[in-house]
Amino acid sequence: MPILRIEHPTQNFATWKAAFDRDPANRSKAGVQRYSIHQPVDNPNYVLIDLEFETVNQAELLLATMKQVWSSGAAGPALGGEPRTQILETKEVKQIVE
């Protein structure tokens, strides 16, 4: 399952989360099946988002849309710096604890 990982600093997590929840790229329509949001334990002003898709093409299309959102200023004060992105392919998931 391909994952689009987006990570970037934020000026304020609550402001960023409100912008994320407005969903300007329409994640559901773009094919996102599940997402998770992470933060480093020592940096509350940095976020990592994993968006899961059925196909790499869906991930690439959403990434292109997100680049338009970021360049348009629609992300507003939520972004604290340039987003870093990667499209990942999961190779293994294993449950360790039973």
PDB file of N, CA and C in Angstrom:
ATOM      1  N   MET A   1       0.838  -1.172   0.000  1.00  0.00           N
ATOM      2  CA  MET A   1       0.000   0.000   0.000  1.00  0.00           C
ATOM      3  C   MET A   1       0.888   1.241   0.000  1.00  0.00           C
ATOM      4  N   PRO A   2       0.833   2.058  -1.029  1.00  0.00           N
ATOM      5  CA  PRO A   2       1.649   3.275  -1.086  1.00  0.00           C
ATOM      6  C   PRO A   2       1.249   4.280  -0.008  1.00  0.00           C
ATOM      7  N   ILE A   3       2.245   4.972   0.501  1.00  0.00           N
ATOM      8  CA  ILE A   3       2.044   5.997   1.517  1.00  0.00           C
ATOM      9  C   ILE A   3       2.702   7.279   1.035  1.00  0.00           C
ATOM     10  N   LEU A   4       1.948   8.362   1.080  1.00  0.00           N
ATOM     11  CA  LEU A   4       2.519   9.686   0.858  1.00  0.00           C
ATOM     12  C   LEU A   4       2.854  10.236   2.233  1.00  0.00           C
ATOM     13  N   ARG A   5       4.142  10.437   2.495  1.00  0.00           N
ATOM     14  CA  ARG A   5       4.578  11.011   3.770  1.00  0.00           C
ATOM     15  C   ARG A   5       4.885  12.484   3.535  1.00  0.00           C
ATOM     16  N   ILE A   6       4.283  13.311   4.360  1.00  0.00           N
ATOM     17  CA  ILE A   6       4.514  14.757   4.326  1.00  0.00           C
ATOM     18  C   ILE A   6       4.999  15.147   5.706  1.00  0.00           C
ATOM     19  N   GLU A   7       6.072  15.938   5.750  1.00  0.00           N
ATOM     20  CA  GLU A   7       6.545  16.413   7.042  1.00  0.00           C
ATOM     21  C   GLU A   7       7.006  17.849   6.918  1.00  0.00           C
ATOM     22  N   HIS A   8       6.740  18.616   7.968  1.00  0.00           N
ATOM     23  CA  HIS A   8       7.138  20.019   7.950  1.00  0.00           C
ATOM     24  C   HIS A   8       6.966  20.640   9.336  1.00  0.00           C
ATOM     25  N   PRO A   9       7.683  21.741   9.567  1.00  0.00           N
ATOM     26  CA  PRO A   9       7.459  22.485  10.798  1.00  0.00           C
ATOM     27  C   PRO A   9       6.116  23.213  10.729  1.00  0.00           C
ATOM     28  N   THR A  10       5.553  23.481  11.885  1.00  0.00           N
ATOM     29  CA  THR A  10       4.335  24.283  11.976  1.00  0.00           C
ATOM     30  C   THR A  10       4.616  25.458  12.901  1.00  0.00           C
ATOM     31  N   GLN A  11       3.845  26.512  12.723  1.00  0.00           N
ATOM     32  CA  GLN A  11       3.969  27.630  13.649  1.00  0.00           C
ATOM     33  C   GLN A  11       3.204  27.338  14.928  1.00  0.00           C
ATOM     34  N   ASN A  12       2.155  26.531  14.806  1.00  0.00           N
ATOM     35  CA  ASN A  12       1.315  26.187  15.943  1.00  0.00           C
ATOM     36  C   ASN A  12       0.512  24.952  15.550  1.00  0.00           C
ATOM     37  N   PHE A  13       0.577  23.877  16.349  1.00  0.00           N
ATOM     38  CA  PHE A  13      -0.091  22.641  15.968  1.00  0.00           C
ATOM     39  C   PHE A  13      -1.601  22.816  15.830  1.00  0.00           C
ATOM     40  N   ALA A  14      -2.238  23.527  16.740  1.00  0.00           N
ATOM     41  CA  ALA A  14      -3.696  23.704  16.676  1.00  0.00           C
ATOM     42  C   ALA A  14      -4.098  24.430  15.395  1.00  0.00           C
ATOM     43  N   THR A  15      -3.342  25.432  14.996  1.00  0.00           N
ATOM     44  CA  THR A  15      -3.617  26.156  13.746  1.00  0.00           C
ATOM     45  C   THR A  15      -3.430  25.222  12.565  1.00  0.00           C
ATOM     46  N   TRP A  16      -2.334  24.451  12.594  1.00  0.00           N
ATOM     47  CA  TRP A  16      -2.085  23.496  11.511  1.00  0.00           C
ATOM     48  C   TRP A  16      -3.208  22.468  11.427  1.00  0.00           C
ATOM     49  N   LYS A  17      -3.632  21.924  12.569  1.00  0.00           N
ATOM     50  CA  LYS A  17      -4.665  20.881  12.581  1.00  0.00           C
ATOM     51  C   LYS A  17      -5.986  21.419  12.034  1.00  0.00           C
ATOM     52  N   ALA A  18      -6.319  22.657  12.356  1.00  0.00           N
ATOM     53  CA  ALA A  18      -7.548  23.255  11.819  1.00  0.00           C
ATOM     54  C   ALA A  18      -7.468  23.346  10.296  1.00  0.00           C
ATOM     55  N   ALA A  19      -6.303  23.724   9.760  1.00  0.00           N
ATOM     56  CA  ALA A  19      -6.130  23.790   8.303  1.00  0.00           C
ATOM     57  C   ALA A  19      -6.206  22.386   7.703  1.00  0.00           C
ATOM     58  N   PHE A  20      -5.591  21.403   8.348  1.00  0.00           N
ATOM     59  CA  PHE A  20      -5.634  20.016   7.881  1.00  0.00           C
ATOM     60  C   PHE A  20      -7.078  19.521   7.855  1.00  0.00           C
ATOM     61  N   ASP A  21      -7.837  19.820   8.888  1.00  0.00           N
ATOM     62  CA  ASP A  21      -9.224  19.366   8.975  1.00  0.00           C
ATOM     63  C   ASP A  21     -10.134  20.023   7.928  1.00  0.00           C
ATOM     64  N   ARG A  22      -9.761  21.209   7.447  1.00  0.00           N
ATOM     65  CA  ARG A  22     -10.547  21.843   6.368  1.00  0.00           C
ATOM     66  C   ARG A  22     -10.421  21.050   5.062  1.00  0.00           C
ATOM     67  N   ASP A  23      -9.357  20.272   4.940  1.00  0.00           N
ATOM     68  CA  ASP A  23      -9.170  19.322   3.836  1.00  0.00           C
ATOM     69  C   ASP A  23      -9.318  19.965   2.449  1.00  0.00           C
ATOM     70  N   PRO A  24      -8.472  20.949   2.119  1.00  0.00           N
ATOM     71  CA  PRO A  24      -8.613  21.630   0.828  1.00  0.00           C
ATOM     72  C   PRO A  24      -8.354  20.730  -0.383  1.00  0.00           C
ATOM     73  N   ALA A  25      -7.720  19.584  -0.190  1.00  0.00           N
ATOM     74  CA  ALA A  25      -7.435  18.677  -1.313  1.00  0.00           C
ATOM     75  C   ALA A  25      -8.454  17.552  -1.422  1.00  0.00           C
ATOM     76  N   ASN A  26      -9.427  17.508  -0.522  1.00  0.00           N
ATOM     77  CA  ASN A  26     -10.470  16.473  -0.515  1.00  0.00           C
ATOM     78  C   ASN A  26      -9.822  15.077  -0.517  1.00  0.00           C
ATOM     79  N   ARG A  27      -9.223  14.732   0.615  1.00  0.00           N
ATOM     80  CA  ARG A  27      -8.490  13.472   0.738  1.00  0.00           C
ATOM     81  C   ARG A  27      -9.317  12.261   0.336  1.00  0.00           C
ATOM     82  N   SER A  28     -10.563  12.202   0.740  1.00  0.00           N
ATOM     83  CA  SER A  28     -11.403  11.042   0.415  1.00  0.00           C
ATOM     84  C   SER A  28     -11.556  10.876  -1.094  1.00  0.00           C
ATOM     85  N   LYS A  29     -11.859  11.963  -1.781  1.00  0.00           N
ATOM     86  CA  LYS A  29     -12.024  11.915  -3.238  1.00  0.00           C
ATOM     87  C   LYS A  29     -10.698  11.573  -3.934  1.00  0.00           C
ATOM     88  N   ALA A  30      -9.583  11.965  -3.317  1.00  0.00           N
ATOM     89  CA  ALA A  30      -8.260  11.704  -3.893  1.00  0.00           C
ATOM     90  C   ALA A  30      -7.802  10.263  -3.685  1.00  0.00           C
ATOM     91  N   GLY A  31      -8.556   9.479  -2.910  1.00  0.00           N
ATOM     92  CA  GLY A  31      -8.214   8.078  -2.730  1.00  0.00           C
ATOM     93  C   GLY A  31      -7.527   7.731  -1.430  1.00  0.00           C
ATOM     94  N   VAL A  32      -7.418   8.692  -0.516  1.00  0.00           N
ATOM     95  CA  VAL A  32      -6.800   8.382   0.782  1.00  0.00           C
ATOM     96  C   VAL A  32      -7.707   7.407   1.519  1.00  0.00           C
ATOM     97  N   GLN A  33      -7.121   6.290   1.933  1.00  0.00           N
ATOM     98  CA  GLN A  33      -7.889   5.274   2.641  1.00  0.00           C
ATOM     99  C   GLN A  33      -7.737   5.395   4.150  1.00  0.00           C
ATOM    100  N   ARG A  34      -6.590   5.890   4.570  1.00  0.00           N
ATOM    101  CA  ARG A  34      -6.324   6.056   5.993  1.00  0.00           C
ATOM    102  C   ARG A  34      -5.173   7.037   6.127  1.00  0.00           C
ATOM    103  N   TYR A  35      -5.176   7.790   7.217  1.00  0.00           N
ATOM    104  CA  TYR A  35      -4.028   8.652   7.481  1.00  0.00           C
ATOM    105  C   TYR A  35      -3.663   8.587   8.950  1.00  0.00           C
ATOM    106  N   SER A  36      -2.425   8.940   9.230  1.00  0.00           N
ATOM    107  CA  SER A  36      -1.969   9.068  10.611  1.00  0.00           C
ATOM    108  C   SER A  36      -1.119  10.330  10.714  1.00  0.00           C
ATOM    109  N   ILE A  37      -1.192  10.953  11.866  1.00  0.00           N
ATOM    110  CA  ILE A  37      -0.442  12.176  12.141  1.00  0.00           C
ATOM    111  C   ILE A  37       0.501  11.873  13.296  1.00  0.00           C
ATOM    112  N   HIS A  38       1.754  12.263  13.146  1.00  0.00           N
ATOM    113  CA  HIS A  38       2.776  12.014  14.166  1.00  0.00           C
ATOM    114  C   HIS A  38       3.490  13.320  14.489  1.00  0.00           C
ATOM    115  N   GLN A  39       4.041  13.374  15.690  1.00  0.00           N
ATOM    116  CA  GLN A  39       4.900  14.480  16.099  1.00  0.00           C
ATOM    117  C   GLN A  39       6.097  13.920  16.849  1.00  0.00           C
ATOM    118  N   PRO A  40       7.273  14.519  16.662  1.00  0.00           N
ATOM    119  CA  PRO A  40       8.398  14.124  17.502  1.00  0.00           C
ATOM    120  C   PRO A  40       8.075  14.458  18.963  1.00  0.00           C
ATOM    121  N   VAL A  41       8.475  13.597  19.867  1.00  0.00           N
ATOM    122  CA  VAL A  41       8.166  13.825  21.284  1.00  0.00           C
ATOM    123  C   VAL A  41       8.845  15.079  21.830  1.00  0.00           C
ATOM    124  N   ASP A  42       9.909  15.513  21.168  1.00  0.00           N
ATOM    125  CA  ASP A  42      10.631  16.687  21.649  1.00  0.00           C
ATOM    126  C   ASP A  42      10.398  17.936  20.802  1.00  0.00           C
ATOM    127  N   ASN A  43       9.391  17.892  19.899  1.00  0.00           N
ATOM    128  CA  ASN A  43       9.137  19.064  19.051  1.00  0.00           C
ATOM    129  C   ASN A  43       7.649  19.155  18.703  1.00  0.00           C
ATOM    130  N   PRO A  44       6.871  19.881  19.494  1.00  0.00           N
ATOM    131  CA  PRO A  44       5.434  19.978  19.240  1.00  0.00           C
ATOM    132  C   PRO A  44       5.089  20.838  18.026  1.00  0.00           C
ATOM    133  N   ASN A  45       6.077  21.463  17.420  1.00  0.00           N
ATOM    134  CA  ASN A  45       5.838  22.295  16.247  1.00  0.00           C
ATOM    135  C   ASN A  45       6.365  21.657  14.962  1.00  0.00           C
ATOM    136  N   TYR A  46       6.305  20.342  14.899  1.00  0.00           N
ATOM    137  CA  TYR A  46       6.703  19.603  13.705  1.00  0.00           C
ATOM    138  C   TYR A  46       5.703  18.467  13.539  1.00  0.00           C
ATOM    139  N   VAL A  47       5.273  18.220  12.311  1.00  0.00           N
ATOM    140  CA  VAL A  47       4.317  17.141  12.059  1.00  0.00           C
ATOM    141  C   VAL A  47       4.795  16.259  10.917  1.00  0.00           C
ATOM    142  N   LEU A  48       4.414  14.988  11.020  1.00  0.00           N
ATOM    143  CA  LEU A  48       4.618  14.014   9.954  1.00  0.00           C
ATOM    144  C   LEU A  48       3.247  13.398   9.696  1.00  0.00           C
ATOM    145  N   ILE A  49       2.850  13.362   8.443  1.00  0.00           N
ATOM    146  CA  ILE A  49       1.548  12.828   8.069  1.00  0.00           C
ATOM    147  C   ILE A  49       1.774  11.693   7.088  1.00  0.00           C
ATOM    148  N   ASP A  50       1.171  10.550   7.346  1.00  0.00           N
ATOM    149  CA  ASP A  50       1.206   9.416   6.428  1.00  0.00           C
ATOM    150  C   ASP A  50      -0.194   9.232   5.858  1.00  0.00           C
ATOM    151  N   LEU A  51      -0.309   9.330   4.535  1.00  0.00           N
ATOM    152  CA  LEU A  51      -1.574   9.160   3.826  1.00  0.00           C
ATOM    153  C   LEU A  51      -1.478   7.882   3.006  1.00  0.00           C
ATOM    154  N   GLU A  52      -2.370   6.935   3.235  1.00  0.00           N
ATOM    155  CA  GLU A  52      -2.308   5.627   2.569  1.00  0.00           C
ATOM    156  C   GLU A  52      -3.282   5.573   1.387  1.00  0.00           C
ATOM    157  N   PHE A  53      -2.823   4.958   0.297  1.00  0.00           N
ATOM    158  CA  PHE A  53      -3.573   4.857  -0.955  1.00  0.00           C
ATOM    159  C   PHE A  53      -3.569   3.429  -1.489  1.00  0.00           C
ATOM    160  N   GLU A  54      -4.416   3.173  -2.448  1.00  0.00           N
ATOM    161  CA  GLU A  54      -4.415   1.901  -3.179  1.00  0.00           C
ATOM    162  C   GLU A  54      -3.299   1.878  -4.224  1.00  0.00           C
ATOM    163  N   THR A  55      -3.042   3.041  -4.867  1.00  0.00           N
ATOM    164  CA  THR A  55      -2.067   3.072  -5.962  1.00  0.00           C
ATOM    165  C   THR A  55      -1.074   4.221  -5.794  1.00  0.00           C
ATOM    166  N   VAL A  56       0.092   4.050  -6.390  1.00  0.00           N
ATOM    167  CA  VAL A  56       1.108   5.098  -6.412  1.00  0.00           C
ATOM    168  C   VAL A  56       0.572   6.304  -7.183  1.00  0.00           C
ATOM    169  N   ASN A  57      -0.155   6.067  -8.265  1.00  0.00           N
ATOM    170  CA  ASN A  57      -0.705   7.164  -9.060  1.00  0.00           C
ATOM    171  C   ASN A  57      -1.594   8.077  -8.213  1.00  0.00           C
ATOM    172  N   GLN A  58      -2.423   7.502  -7.352  1.00  0.00           N
ATOM    173  CA  GLN A  58      -3.267   8.318  -6.474  1.00  0.00           C
ATOM    174  C   GLN A  58      -2.405   9.186  -5.553  1.00  0.00           C
ATOM    175  N   ALA A  59      -1.338   8.616  -5.012  1.00  0.00           N
ATOM    176  CA  ALA A  59      -0.435   9.367  -4.138  1.00  0.00           C
ATOM    177  C   ALA A  59       0.231  10.505  -4.905  1.00  0.00           C
ATOM    178  N   GLU A  60       0.667  10.229  -6.119  1.00  0.00           N
ATOM    179  CA  GLU A  60       1.308  11.259  -6.943  1.00  0.00           C
ATOM    180  C   GLU A  60       0.344  12.390  -7.272  1.00  0.00           C
ATOM    181  N   LEU A  61      -0.906  12.042  -7.574  1.00  0.00           N
ATOM    182  CA  LEU A  61      -1.901  13.064  -7.906  1.00  0.00           C
ATOM    183  C   LEU A  61      -2.215  13.936  -6.689  1.00  0.00           C
ATOM    184  N   LEU A  62      -2.342  13.337  -5.519  1.00  0.00           N
ATOM    185  CA  LEU A  62      -2.607  14.148  -4.330  1.00  0.00           C
ATOM    186  C   LEU A  62      -1.401  15.023  -4.011  1.00  0.00           C
ATOM    187  N   LEU A  63      -0.202  14.503  -4.185  1.00  0.00           N
ATOM    188  CA  LEU A  63       0.991  15.312  -3.942  1.00  0.00           C
ATOM    189  C   LEU A  63       0.997  16.533  -4.864  1.00  0.00           C
ATOM    190  N   ALA A  64       0.652  16.352  -6.113  1.00  0.00           N
ATOM    191  CA  ALA A  64       0.591  17.486  -7.040  1.00  0.00           C
ATOM    192  C   ALA A  64      -0.443  18.510  -6.571  1.00  0.00           C
ATOM    193  N   THR A  65      -1.570  18.023  -6.101  1.00  0.00           N
ATOM    194  CA  THR A  65      -2.605  18.922  -5.577  1.00  0.00           C
ATOM    195  C   THR A  65      -2.104  19.666  -4.351  1.00  0.00           C
ATOM    196  N   MET A  66      -1.436  18.951  -3.451  1.00  0.00           N
ATOM    197  CA  MET A  66      -0.927  19.590  -2.236  1.00  0.00           C
ATOM    198  C   MET A  66       0.112  20.657  -2.563  1.00  0.00           C
ATOM    199  N   LYS A  67       0.945  20.425  -3.559  1.00  0.00           N
ATOM    200  CA  LYS A  67       1.929  21.440  -3.953  1.00  0.00           C
ATOM    201  C   LYS A  67       1.229  22.710  -4.411  1.00  0.00           C
ATOM    202  N   GLN A  68       0.086  22.561  -5.089  1.00  0.00           N
ATOM    203  CA  GLN A  68      -0.700  23.738  -5.494  1.00  0.00           C
ATOM    204  C   GLN A  68      -1.272  24.448  -4.267  1.00  0.00           C
ATOM    205  N   VAL A  69      -1.789  23.675  -3.326  1.00  0.00           N
ATOM    206  CA  VAL A  69      -2.345  24.255  -2.090  1.00  0.00           C
ATOM    207  C   VAL A  69      -1.258  25.043  -1.360  1.00  0.00           C
ATOM    208  N   TRP A  70      -0.086  24.428  -1.200  1.00  0.00           N
ATOM    209  CA  TRP A  70       0.997  25.092  -0.476  1.00  0.00           C
ATOM    210  C   TRP A  70       1.445  26.364  -1.187  1.00  0.00           C
ATOM    211  N   SER A  71       1.546  26.334  -2.513  1.00  0.00           N
ATOM    212  CA  SER A  71       2.028  27.508  -3.239  1.00  0.00           C
ATOM    213  C   SER A  71       0.981  28.614  -3.313  1.00  0.00           C
ATOM    214  N   SER A  72      -0.291  28.266  -3.152  1.00  0.00           N
ATOM    215  CA  SER A  72      -1.364  29.267  -3.236  1.00  0.00           C
ATOM    216  C   SER A  72      -1.502  30.079  -1.961  1.00  0.00           C
ATOM    217  N   GLY A  73      -0.879  29.627  -0.891  1.00  0.00           N
ATOM    218  CA  GLY A  73      -1.026  30.310   0.387  1.00  0.00           C
ATOM    219  C   GLY A  73      -2.233  29.834   1.170  1.00  0.00           C
ATOM    220  N   ALA A  74      -2.969  28.849   0.655  1.00  0.00           N
ATOM    221  CA  ALA A  74      -4.168  28.355   1.336  1.00  0.00           C
ATOM    222  C   ALA A  74      -3.826  27.699   2.663  1.00  0.00           C
ATOM    223  N   ALA A  75      -2.580  27.266   2.816  1.00  0.00           N
ATOM    224  CA  ALA A  75      -2.172  26.655   4.085  1.00  0.00           C
ATOM    225  C   ALA A  75      -1.981  27.723   5.154  1.00  0.00           C
ATOM    226  N   GLY A  76      -1.879  28.979   4.716  1.00  0.00           N
ATOM    227  CA  GLY A  76      -1.809  30.107   5.635  1.00  0.00           C
ATOM    228  C   GLY A  76      -0.720  29.984   6.672  1.00  0.00           C
ATOM    229  N   PRO A  77      -1.048  30.388   7.891  1.00  0.00           N
ATOM    230  CA  PRO A  77      -0.029  30.406   8.950  1.00  0.00           C
ATOM    231  C   PRO A  77       0.280  29.027   9.526  1.00  0.00           C
ATOM    232  N   ALA A  78      -0.344  27.996   8.986  1.00  0.00           N
ATOM    233  CA  ALA A  78      -0.130  26.661   9.540  1.00  0.00           C
ATOM    234  C   ALA A  78       1.273  26.140   9.244  1.00  0.00           C
ATOM    235  N   LEU A  79       1.794  26.441   8.067  1.00  0.00           N
ATOM    236  CA  LEU A  79       3.127  25.942   7.706  1.00  0.00           C
ATOM    237  C   LEU A  79       4.205  26.820   8.321  1.00  0.00           C
ATOM    238  N   GLY A  80       5.191  26.161   8.886  1.00  0.00           N
ATOM    239  CA  GLY A  80       6.314  26.886   9.452  1.00  0.00           C
ATOM    240  C   GLY A  80       7.569  26.720   8.614  1.00  0.00           C
ATOM    241  N   GLY A  81       7.431  26.121   7.444  1.00  0.00           N
ATOM    242  CA  GLY A  81       8.568  25.893   6.564  1.00  0.00           C
ATOM    243  C   GLY A  81       8.145  25.031   5.392  1.00  0.00           C
ATOM    244  N   GLU A  82       9.075  24.799   4.500  1.00  0.00           N
ATOM    245  CA  GLU A  82       8.808  24.018   3.283  1.00  0.00           C
ATOM    246  C   GLU A  82       8.525  22.554   3.626  1.00  0.00           C
ATOM    247  N   PRO A  83       7.404  22.009   3.118  1.00  0.00           N
ATOM    248  CA  PRO A  83       7.120  20.588   3.349  1.00  0.00           C
ATOM    249  C   PRO A  83       8.130  19.680   2.648  1.00  0.00           C
ATOM    250  N   ARG A  84       8.443  18.590   3.291  1.00  0.00           N
ATOM    251  CA  ARG A  84       9.279  17.533   2.709  1.00  0.00           C
ATOM    252  C   ARG A  84       8.350  16.356   2.431  1.00  0.00           C
ATOM    253  N   THR A  85       8.449  15.769   1.248  1.00  0.00           N
ATOM    254  CA  THR A  85       7.527  14.698   0.880  1.00  0.00           C
ATOM    255  C   THR A  85       8.278  13.494   0.311  1.00  0.00           C
ATOM    256  N   GLN A  86       7.654  12.330   0.489  1.00  0.00           N
ATOM    257  CA  GLN A  86       8.154  11.079  -0.091  1.00  0.00           C
ATOM    258  C   GLN A  86       6.957  10.181  -0.345  1.00  0.00           C
ATOM    259  N   ILE A  87       7.020   9.405  -1.414  1.00  0.00           N
ATOM    260  CA  ILE A  87       6.037   8.358  -1.614  1.00  0.00           C
ATOM    261  C   ILE A  87       6.739   7.052  -1.280  1.00  0.00           C
ATOM    262  N   LEU A  88       6.170   6.330  -0.329  1.00  0.00           N
ATOM    263  CA  LEU A  88       6.784   5.112   0.204  1.00  0.00           C
ATOM    264  C   LEU A  88       5.961   3.894  -0.186  1.00  0.00           C
ATOM    265  N   GLU A  89       6.623   2.778  -0.305  1.00  0.00           N
ATOM    266  CA  GLU A  89       5.959   1.493  -0.519  1.00  0.00           C
ATOM    267  C   GLU A  89       6.257   0.621   0.701  1.00  0.00           C
ATOM    268  N   THR A  90       5.216   0.158   1.357  1.00  0.00           N
ATOM    269  CA  THR A  90       5.400  -0.695   2.529  1.00  0.00           C
ATOM    270  C   THR A  90       5.933  -2.051   2.088  1.00  0.00           C
ATOM    271  N   LYS A  91       7.006  -2.484   2.682  1.00  0.00           N
ATOM    272  CA  LYS A  91       7.605  -3.766   2.351  1.00  0.00           C
ATOM    273  C   LYS A  91       7.292  -4.842   3.367  1.00  0.00           C
ATOM    274  N   GLU A  92       7.082  -4.443   4.617  1.00  0.00           N
ATOM    275  CA  GLU A  92       6.761  -5.437   5.633  1.00  0.00           C
ATOM    276  C   GLU A  92       6.123  -4.746   6.829  1.00  0.00           C
ATOM    277  N   VAL A  93       5.118  -5.380   7.369  1.00  0.00           N
ATOM    278  CA  VAL A  93       4.505  -4.993   8.636  1.00  0.00           C
ATOM    279  C   VAL A  93       4.388  -6.275   9.443  1.00  0.00           C
ATOM    280  N   LYS A  94       4.888  -6.240  10.663  1.00  0.00           N
ATOM    281  CA  LYS A  94       4.872  -7.455  11.475  1.00  0.00           C
ATOM    282  C   LYS A  94       4.480  -7.106  12.903  1.00  0.00           C
ATOM    283  N   GLN A  95       3.541  -7.832  13.426  1.00  0.00           N
ATOM    284  CA  GLN A  95       3.117  -7.691  14.818  1.00  0.00           C
ATOM    285  C   GLN A  95       4.103  -8.432  15.698  1.00  0.00           C
ATOM    286  N   ILE A  96       4.701  -7.744  16.661  1.00  0.00           N
ATOM    287  CA  ILE A  96       5.690  -8.353  17.540  1.00  0.00           C
ATOM    288  C   ILE A  96       5.026  -8.863  18.826  1.00  0.00           C
ATOM    289  N   VAL A  97       4.176  -8.060  19.405  1.00  0.00           N
ATOM    290  CA  VAL A  97       3.512  -8.411  20.653  1.00  0.00           C
ATOM    291  C   VAL A  97       2.207  -9.132  20.324  1.00  0.00           C
ATOM    292  N   GLU A  98       1.971 -10.244  20.966  1.00  0.00           N
ATOM    293  CA  GLU A  98       0.753 -11.002  20.710  1.00  0.00           C
ATOM    294  C   GLU A  98      -0.357 -10.577  21.631  1.00  0.00           C
TER     295      GLU A  98
END
